[in-house]
Amino acid sequence: MQLTEHEWSRVIEMAWEDRTPFEAIDSQFGLSEAQIIALMRRSLKAGSFKLWRARVSGRQTKHLQLRDPNVSRGYCPTQYKQR
């Protein structure tokens, strides 16, 4: 799948967010978790990728199957500023 520069940037942003599950990125952009990891590996510096990978590995909020069913939103309402 070819992503525009804006979509590429948005996928990276969503991957960094703690509460955005990989499944949300998959449904919006059609990228599997493995494809997201590959994209992050290509896009980030080696040290940044290692930090990101350690942070999301096994994280409950990044995987819908591990997530508490009471959490139905991907982010805090105050997380984004008005653009």
PDB file of N, CA and C in Angstrom:
ATOM      1  N   MET A   1       0.845  -1.187   0.000  1.00  0.00           N
ATOM      2  CA  MET A   1       0.000   0.000   0.000  1.00  0.00           C
ATOM      3  C   MET A   1       0.888   1.247   0.000  1.00  0.00           C
ATOM      4  N   GLN A   2       0.580   2.183  -0.863  1.00  0.00           N
ATOM      5  CA  GLN A   2       1.303   3.443  -0.942  1.00  0.00           C
ATOM      6  C   GLN A   2       0.624   4.463  -0.033  1.00  0.00           C
ATOM      7  N   LEU A   3       1.395   5.067   0.851  1.00  0.00           N
ATOM      8  CA  LEU A   3       0.862   6.090   1.739  1.00  0.00           C
ATOM      9  C   LEU A   3       1.385   7.448   1.302  1.00  0.00           C
ATOM     10  N   THR A   4       0.535   8.465   1.448  1.00  0.00           N
ATOM     11  CA  THR A   4       1.000   9.822   1.204  1.00  0.00           C
ATOM     12  C   THR A   4       1.910  10.231   2.361  1.00  0.00           C
ATOM     13  N   GLU A   5       2.612  11.323   2.197  1.00  0.00           N
ATOM     14  CA  GLU A   5       3.491  11.807   3.261  1.00  0.00           C
ATOM     15  C   GLU A   5       2.693  12.111   4.530  1.00  0.00           C
ATOM     16  N   HIS A   6       1.503  12.686   4.362  1.00  0.00           N
ATOM     17  CA  HIS A   6       0.643  12.997   5.511  1.00  0.00           C
ATOM     18  C   HIS A   6       0.200  11.707   6.206  1.00  0.00           C
ATOM     19  N   GLU A   7      -0.216  10.696   5.436  1.00  0.00           N
ATOM     20  CA  GLU A   7      -0.645   9.420   6.020  1.00  0.00           C
ATOM     21  C   GLU A   7       0.520   8.727   6.728  1.00  0.00           C
ATOM     22  N   TRP A   8       1.698   8.755   6.105  1.00  0.00           N
ATOM     23  CA  TRP A   8       2.904   8.167   6.684  1.00  0.00           C
ATOM     24  C   TRP A   8       3.159   8.802   8.058  1.00  0.00           C
ATOM     25  N   SER A   9       3.097  10.123   8.116  1.00  0.00           N
ATOM     26  CA  SER A   9       3.308  10.859   9.354  1.00  0.00           C
ATOM     27  C   SER A   9       2.250  10.494  10.399  1.00  0.00           C
ATOM     28  N   ARG A  10       1.007  10.365   9.958  1.00  0.00           N
ATOM     29  CA  ARG A  10      -0.083  10.031  10.889  1.00  0.00           C
ATOM     30  C   ARG A  10       0.086   8.624  11.450  1.00  0.00           C
ATOM     31  N   VAL A  11       0.514   7.669  10.638  1.00  0.00           N
ATOM     32  CA  VAL A  11       0.742   6.304  11.120  1.00  0.00           C
ATOM     33  C   VAL A  11       1.825   6.316  12.198  1.00  0.00           C
ATOM     34  N   ILE A  12       2.900   7.047  11.963  1.00  0.00           N
ATOM     35  CA  ILE A  12       3.980   7.133  12.952  1.00  0.00           C
ATOM     36  C   ILE A  12       3.462   7.764  14.243  1.00  0.00           C
ATOM     37  N   GLU A  13       2.679   8.817  14.112  1.00  0.00           N
ATOM     38  CA  GLU A  13       2.106   9.482  15.284  1.00  0.00           C
ATOM     39  C   GLU A  13       1.213   8.523  16.065  1.00  0.00           C
ATOM     40  N   MET A  14       0.356   7.793  15.355  1.00  0.00           N
ATOM     41  CA  MET A  14      -0.538   6.842  16.016  1.00  0.00           C
ATOM     42  C   MET A  14       0.238   5.705  16.670  1.00  0.00           C
ATOM     43  N   ALA A  15       1.311   5.264  16.032  1.00  0.00           N
ATOM     44  CA  ALA A  15       2.122   4.183  16.596  1.00  0.00           C
ATOM     45  C   ALA A  15       2.801   4.629  17.890  1.00  0.00           C
ATOM     46  N   TRP A  16       3.178   5.900  17.975  1.00  0.00           N
ATOM     47  CA  TRP A  16       3.812   6.419  19.191  1.00  0.00           C
ATOM     48  C   TRP A  16       2.816   6.574  20.333  1.00  0.00           C
ATOM     49  N   GLU A  17       1.541   6.812  20.009  1.00  0.00           N
ATOM     50  CA  GLU A  17       0.538   7.034  21.047  1.00  0.00           C
ATOM     51  C   GLU A  17       0.316   5.753  21.849  1.00  0.00           C
ATOM     52  N   ASP A  18       0.319   5.897  23.162  1.00  0.00           N
ATOM     53  CA  ASP A  18       0.157   4.732  24.022  1.00  0.00           C
ATOM     54  C   ASP A  18      -1.220   4.086  23.920  1.00  0.00           C
ATOM     55  N   ARG A  19      -2.248   4.872  23.730  1.00  0.00           N
ATOM     56  CA  ARG A  19      -3.607   4.332  23.768  1.00  0.00           C
ATOM     57  C   ARG A  19      -4.197   3.977  22.403  1.00  0.00           C
ATOM     58  N   THR A  20      -3.436   4.149  21.350  1.00  0.00           N
ATOM     59  CA  THR A  20      -3.929   3.803  20.016  1.00  0.00           C
ATOM     60  C   THR A  20      -3.475   2.385  19.684  1.00  0.00           C
ATOM     61  N   PRO A  21      -4.426   1.443  19.608  1.00  0.00           N
ATOM     62  CA  PRO A  21      -4.039   0.058  19.327  1.00  0.00           C
ATOM     63  C   PRO A  21      -3.617  -0.133  17.872  1.00  0.00           C
ATOM     64  N   PHE A  22      -2.803  -1.151  17.647  1.00  0.00           N
ATOM     65  CA  PHE A  22      -2.366  -1.471  16.287  1.00  0.00           C
ATOM     66  C   PHE A  22      -3.571  -1.758  15.392  1.00  0.00           C
ATOM     67  N   GLU A  23      -4.617  -2.324  15.961  1.00  0.00           N
ATOM     68  CA  GLU A  23      -5.807  -2.646  15.178  1.00  0.00           C
ATOM     69  C   GLU A  23      -6.475  -1.396  14.620  1.00  0.00           C
ATOM     70  N   ALA A  24      -6.403  -0.273  15.341  1.00  0.00           N
ATOM     71  CA  ALA A  24      -6.972   0.987  14.842  1.00  0.00           C
ATOM     72  C   ALA A  24      -6.198   1.478  13.622  1.00  0.00           C
ATOM     73  N   ILE A  25      -4.880   1.322  13.657  1.00  0.00           N
ATOM     74  CA  ILE A  25      -4.061   1.712  12.510  1.00  0.00           C
ATOM     75  C   ILE A  25      -4.361   0.799  11.332  1.00  0.00           C
ATOM     76  N   ASP A  26      -4.532  -0.481  11.617  1.00  0.00           N
ATOM     77  CA  ASP A  26      -4.862  -1.449  10.571  1.00  0.00           C
ATOM     78  C   ASP A  26      -6.198  -1.114   9.910  1.00  0.00           C
ATOM     79  N   SER A  27      -7.208  -0.797  10.714  1.00  0.00           N
ATOM     80  CA  SER A  27      -8.519  -0.506  10.126  1.00  0.00           C
ATOM     81  C   SER A  27      -8.524   0.795   9.334  1.00  0.00           C
ATOM     82  N   GLN A  28      -7.717   1.763   9.749  1.00  0.00           N
ATOM     83  CA  GLN A  28      -7.694   3.054   9.066  1.00  0.00           C
ATOM     84  C   GLN A  28      -6.776   3.066   7.847  1.00  0.00           C
ATOM     85  N   PHE A  29      -5.626   2.386   7.944  1.00  0.00           N
ATOM     86  CA  PHE A  29      -4.630   2.462   6.872  1.00  0.00           C
ATOM     87  C   PHE A  29      -4.336   1.126   6.205  1.00  0.00           C
ATOM     88  N   GLY A  30      -4.875   0.030   6.750  1.00  0.00           N
ATOM     89  CA  GLY A  30      -4.657  -1.282   6.147  1.00  0.00           C
ATOM     90  C   GLY A  30      -3.259  -1.842   6.373  1.00  0.00           C
ATOM     91  N   LEU A  31      -2.610  -1.431   7.461  1.00  0.00           N
ATOM     92  CA  LEU A  31      -1.263  -1.909   7.774  1.00  0.00           C
ATOM     93  C   LEU A  31      -1.313  -2.859   8.965  1.00  0.00           C
ATOM     94  N   SER A  32      -0.711  -4.024   8.815  1.00  0.00           N
ATOM     95  CA  SER A  32      -0.644  -4.980   9.914  1.00  0.00           C
ATOM     96  C   SER A  32       0.383  -4.505  10.943  1.00  0.00           C
ATOM     97  N   GLU A  33       0.398  -5.153  12.094  1.00  0.00           N
ATOM     98  CA  GLU A  33       1.375  -4.798  13.126  1.00  0.00           C
ATOM     99  C   GLU A  33       2.800  -4.970  12.597  1.00  0.00           C
ATOM    100  N   ALA A  34       3.049  -6.040  11.855  1.00  0.00           N
ATOM    101  CA  ALA A  34       4.389  -6.269  11.289  1.00  0.00           C
ATOM    102  C   ALA A  34       4.771  -5.164  10.309  1.00  0.00           C
ATOM    103  N   GLN A  35       3.811  -4.698   9.510  1.00  0.00           N
ATOM    104  CA  GLN A  35       4.094  -3.613   8.564  1.00  0.00           C
ATOM    105  C   GLN A  35       4.367  -2.301   9.299  1.00  0.00           C
ATOM    106  N   ILE A  36       3.652  -2.078  10.400  1.00  0.00           N
ATOM    107  CA  ILE A  36       3.868  -0.871  11.204  1.00  0.00           C
ATOM    108  C   ILE A  36       5.266  -0.904  11.812  1.00  0.00           C
ATOM    109  N   ILE A  37       5.662  -2.063  12.319  1.00  0.00           N
ATOM    110  CA  ILE A  37       6.995  -2.203  12.900  1.00  0.00           C
ATOM    111  C   ILE A  37       8.062  -1.940  11.843  1.00  0.00           C
ATOM    112  N   ALA A  38       7.867  -2.483  10.648  1.00  0.00           N
ATOM    113  CA  ALA A  38       8.826  -2.261   9.552  1.00  0.00           C
ATOM    114  C   ALA A  38       8.882  -0.781   9.174  1.00  0.00           C
ATOM    115  N   LEU A  39       7.721  -0.124   9.117  1.00  0.00           N
ATOM    116  CA  LEU A  39       7.668   1.302   8.797  1.00  0.00           C
ATOM    117  C   LEU A  39       8.410   2.112   9.859  1.00  0.00           C
ATOM    118  N   MET A  40       8.193   1.767  11.125  1.00  0.00           N
ATOM    119  CA  MET A  40       8.855   2.484  12.217  1.00  0.00           C
ATOM    120  C   MET A  40      10.362   2.247  12.164  1.00  0.00           C
ATOM    121  N   ARG A  41      10.778   1.039  11.829  1.00  0.00           N
ATOM    122  CA  ARG A  41      12.207   0.721  11.741  1.00  0.00           C
ATOM    123  C   ARG A  41      12.876   1.581  10.658  1.00  0.00           C
ATOM    124  N   ARG A  42      12.178   1.759   9.515  1.00  0.00           N
ATOM    125  CA  ARG A  42      12.724   2.564   8.419  1.00  0.00           C
ATOM    126  C   ARG A  42      12.696   4.057   8.724  1.00  0.00           C
ATOM    127  N   SER A  43      11.705   4.495   9.498  1.00  0.00           N
ATOM    128  CA  SER A  43      11.477   5.926   9.698  1.00  0.00           C
ATOM    129  C   SER A  43      12.238   6.526  10.865  1.00  0.00           C
ATOM    130  N   LEU A  44      12.532   5.731  11.873  1.00  0.00           N
ATOM    131  CA  LEU A  44      13.155   6.252  13.085  1.00  0.00           C
ATOM    132  C   LEU A  44      14.647   5.946  13.118  1.00  0.00           C
ATOM    133  N   LYS A  45      15.362   6.729  13.886  1.00  0.00           N
ATOM    134  CA  LYS A  45      16.757   6.415  14.155  1.00  0.00           C
ATOM    135  C   LYS A  45      16.788   5.118  14.958  1.00  0.00           C
ATOM    136  N   ALA A  46      17.904   4.408  14.917  1.00  0.00           N
ATOM    137  CA  ALA A  46      18.010   3.103  15.580  1.00  0.00           C
ATOM    138  C   ALA A  46      17.666   3.187  17.070  1.00  0.00           C
ATOM    139  N   GLY A  47      18.191   4.182  17.760  1.00  0.00           N
ATOM    140  CA  GLY A  47      17.919   4.326  19.189  1.00  0.00           C
ATOM    141  C   GLY A  47      16.458   4.614  19.476  1.00  0.00           C
ATOM    142  N   SER A  48      15.849   5.466  18.652  1.00  0.00           N
ATOM    143  CA  SER A  48      14.432   5.793  18.816  1.00  0.00           C
ATOM    144  C   SER A  48      13.566   4.571  18.558  1.00  0.00           C
ATOM    145  N   PHE A  49      13.926   3.792  17.546  1.00  0.00           N
ATOM    146  CA  PHE A  49      13.171   2.579  17.252  1.00  0.00           C
ATOM    147  C   PHE A  49      13.249   1.602  18.421  1.00  0.00           C
ATOM    148  N   LYS A  50      14.432   1.420  18.998  1.00  0.00           N
ATOM    149  CA  LYS A  50      14.583   0.501  20.131  1.00  0.00           C
ATOM    150  C   LYS A  50      13.744   0.958  21.317  1.00  0.00           C
ATOM    151  N   LEU A  51      13.735   2.259  21.593  1.00  0.00           N
ATOM    152  CA  LEU A  51      12.910   2.787  22.683  1.00  0.00           C
ATOM    153  C   LEU A  51      11.425   2.554  22.414  1.00  0.00           C
ATOM    154  N   TRP A  52      10.991   2.833  21.188  1.00  0.00           N
ATOM    155  CA  TRP A  52       9.588   2.639  20.825  1.00  0.00           C
ATOM    156  C   TRP A  52       9.204   1.167  20.933  1.00  0.00           C
ATOM    157  N   ARG A  53      10.059   0.302  20.406  1.00  0.00           N
ATOM    158  CA  ARG A  53       9.782  -1.136  20.394  1.00  0.00           C
ATOM    159  C   ARG A  53       9.676  -1.679  21.812  1.00  0.00           C
ATOM    160  N   ALA A  54      10.578  -1.260  22.696  1.00  0.00           N
ATOM    161  CA  ALA A  54      10.534  -1.699  24.090  1.00  0.00           C
ATOM    162  C   ALA A  54       9.264  -1.190  24.769  1.00  0.00           C
ATOM    163  N   ARG A  55       8.833  -0.004  24.383  1.00  0.00           N
ATOM    164  CA  ARG A  55       7.665   0.611  25.000  1.00  0.00           C
ATOM    165  C   ARG A  55       6.365  -0.066  24.592  1.00  0.00           C
ATOM    166  N   VAL A  56       6.241  -0.484  23.346  1.00  0.00           N
ATOM    167  CA  VAL A  56       4.965  -1.042  22.876  1.00  0.00           C
ATOM    168  C   VAL A  56       4.886  -2.565  22.977  1.00  0.00           C
ATOM    169  N   SER A  57       5.997  -3.234  23.190  1.00  0.00           N
ATOM    170  CA  SER A  57       5.981  -4.701  23.251  1.00  0.00           C
ATOM    171  C   SER A  57       5.163  -5.174  24.452  1.00  0.00           C
ATOM    172  N   GLY A  58       4.070  -5.858  24.161  1.00  0.00           N
ATOM    173  CA  GLY A  58       3.221  -6.401  25.212  1.00  0.00           C
ATOM    174  C   GLY A  58       2.381  -5.383  25.950  1.00  0.00           C
ATOM    175  N   ARG A  59       2.406  -4.142  25.524  1.00  0.00           N
ATOM    176  CA  ARG A  59       1.636  -3.086  26.187  1.00  0.00           C
ATOM    177  C   ARG A  59       0.145  -3.341  25.986  1.00  0.00           C
ATOM    178  N   GLN A  60      -0.601  -3.344  27.071  1.00  0.00           N
ATOM    179  CA  GLN A  60      -2.025  -3.664  27.005  1.00  0.00           C
ATOM    180  C   GLN A  60      -2.804  -2.714  26.112  1.00  0.00           C
ATOM    181  N   THR A  61      -2.468  -1.442  26.141  1.00  0.00           N
ATOM    182  CA  THR A  61      -3.253  -0.470  25.383  1.00  0.00           C
ATOM    183  C   THR A  61      -2.954  -0.510  23.887  1.00  0.00           C
ATOM    184  N   LYS A  62      -1.868  -1.159  23.461  1.00  0.00           N
ATOM    185  CA  LYS A  62      -1.536  -1.228  22.042  1.00  0.00           C
ATOM    186  C   LYS A  62      -2.132  -2.454  21.362  1.00  0.00           C
ATOM    187  N   HIS A  63      -2.738  -3.353  22.110  1.00  0.00           N
ATOM    188  CA  HIS A  63      -3.316  -4.572  21.558  1.00  0.00           C
ATOM    189  C   HIS A  63      -4.734  -4.729  22.089  1.00  0.00           C
ATOM    190  N   LEU A  64      -5.720  -4.747  21.207  1.00  0.00           N
ATOM    191  CA  LEU A  64      -7.109  -4.814  21.642  1.00  0.00           C
ATOM    192  C   LEU A  64      -7.406  -6.052  22.479  1.00  0.00           C
ATOM    193  N   GLN A  65      -6.758  -7.182  22.180  1.00  0.00           N
ATOM    194  CA  GLN A  65      -7.021  -8.401  22.931  1.00  0.00           C
ATOM    195  C   GLN A  65      -6.568  -8.274  24.387  1.00  0.00           C
ATOM    196  N   LEU A  66      -5.574  -7.455  24.655  1.00  0.00           N
ATOM    197  CA  LEU A  66      -5.059  -7.272  26.012  1.00  0.00           C
ATOM    198  C   LEU A  66      -5.722  -6.106  26.732  1.00  0.00           C
ATOM    199  N   ARG A  67      -6.419  -5.275  25.995  1.00  0.00           N
ATOM    200  CA  ARG A  67      -6.987  -4.036  26.532  1.00  0.00           C
ATOM    201  C   ARG A  67      -8.219  -4.306  27.386  1.00  0.00           C
ATOM    202  N   ASP A  68      -8.365  -3.504  28.431  1.00  0.00           N
ATOM    203  CA  ASP A  68      -9.548  -3.556  29.284  1.00  0.00           C
ATOM    204  C   ASP A  68     -10.761  -3.187  28.428  1.00  0.00           C
ATOM    205  N   PRO A  69     -11.809  -4.001  28.435  1.00  0.00           N
ATOM    206  CA  PRO A  69     -12.975  -3.702  27.583  1.00  0.00           C
ATOM    207  C   PRO A  69     -13.685  -2.399  27.934  1.00  0.00           C
ATOM    208  N   ASN A  70     -13.427  -1.833  29.104  1.00  0.00           N
ATOM    209  CA  ASN A  70     -14.043  -0.567  29.496  1.00  0.00           C
ATOM    210  C   ASN A  70     -13.403   0.631  28.806  1.00  0.00           C
ATOM    211  N   VAL A  71     -12.235   0.439  28.195  1.00  0.00           N
ATOM    212  CA  VAL A  71     -11.555   1.526  27.480  1.00  0.00           C
ATOM    213  C   VAL A  71     -12.036   1.496  26.034  1.00  0.00           C
ATOM    214  N   SER A  72     -12.832   2.494  25.670  1.00  0.00           N
ATOM    215  CA  SER A  72     -13.407   2.499  24.324  1.00  0.00           C
ATOM    216  C   SER A  72     -12.869   3.629  23.447  1.00  0.00           C
ATOM    217  N   ARG A  73     -11.963   4.440  23.969  1.00  0.00           N
ATOM    218  CA  ARG A  73     -11.422   5.542  23.199  1.00  0.00           C
ATOM    219  C   ARG A  73      -9.938   5.335  22.972  1.00  0.00           C
ATOM    220  N   GLY A  74      -9.409   5.982  21.941  1.00  0.00           N
ATOM    221  CA  GLY A  74      -8.014   5.824  21.598  1.00  0.00           C
ATOM    222  C   GLY A  74      -7.106   6.853  22.243  1.00  0.00           C
ATOM    223  N   TYR A  75      -7.669   7.950  22.748  1.00  0.00           N
ATOM    224  CA  TYR A  75      -6.832   8.994  23.310  1.00  0.00           C
ATOM    225  C   TYR A  75      -7.627   9.828  24.290  1.00  0.00           C
ATOM    226  N   CYS A  76      -6.939  10.582  25.102  1.00  0.00           N
ATOM    227  CA  CYS A  76      -7.546  11.492  26.058  1.00  0.00           C
ATOM    228  C   CYS A  76      -8.170  12.664  25.296  1.00  0.00           C
ATOM    229  N   PRO A  77      -9.370  13.110  25.665  1.00  0.00           N
ATOM    230  CA  PRO A  77     -10.007  14.223  24.946  1.00  0.00           C
ATOM    231  C   PRO A  77      -9.180  15.504  24.916  1.00  0.00           C
ATOM    232  N   THR A  78      -8.303  15.699  25.880  1.00  0.00           N
ATOM    233  CA  THR A  78      -7.497  16.918  25.923  1.00  0.00           C
ATOM    234  C   THR A  78      -6.121  16.727  25.291  1.00  0.00           C
ATOM    235  N   GLN A  79      -5.886  15.570  24.680  1.00  0.00           N
ATOM    236  CA  GLN A  79      -4.578  15.264  24.120  1.00  0.00           C
ATOM    237  C   GLN A  79      -4.222  16.153  22.940  1.00  0.00           C
ATOM    238  N   TYR A  80      -5.163  16.455  22.096  1.00  0.00           N
ATOM    239  CA  TYR A  80      -4.878  17.221  20.884  1.00  0.00           C
ATOM    240  C   TYR A  80      -5.341  18.661  21.039  1.00  0.00           C
ATOM    241  N   LYS A  81      -4.478  19.573  20.624  1.00  0.00           N
ATOM    242  CA  LYS A  81      -4.831  20.990  20.630  1.00  0.00           C
ATOM    243  C   LYS A  81      -5.563  21.313  19.339  1.00  0.00           C
ATOM    244  N   GLN A  82      -6.381  22.332  19.375  1.00  0.00           N
ATOM    245  CA  GLN A  82      -7.095  22.763  18.174  1.00  0.00           C
ATOM    246  C   GLN A  82      -6.095  23.239  17.148  1.00  0.00           C
ATOM    247  N   ARG A  83      -6.280  22.834  15.923  1.00  0.00           N
ATOM    248  CA  ARG A  83      -5.372  23.247  14.842  1.00  0.00           C
ATOM    249  C   ARG A  83      -5.988  24.314  13.994  1.00  0.00           C
TER     250      ARG A  83
END
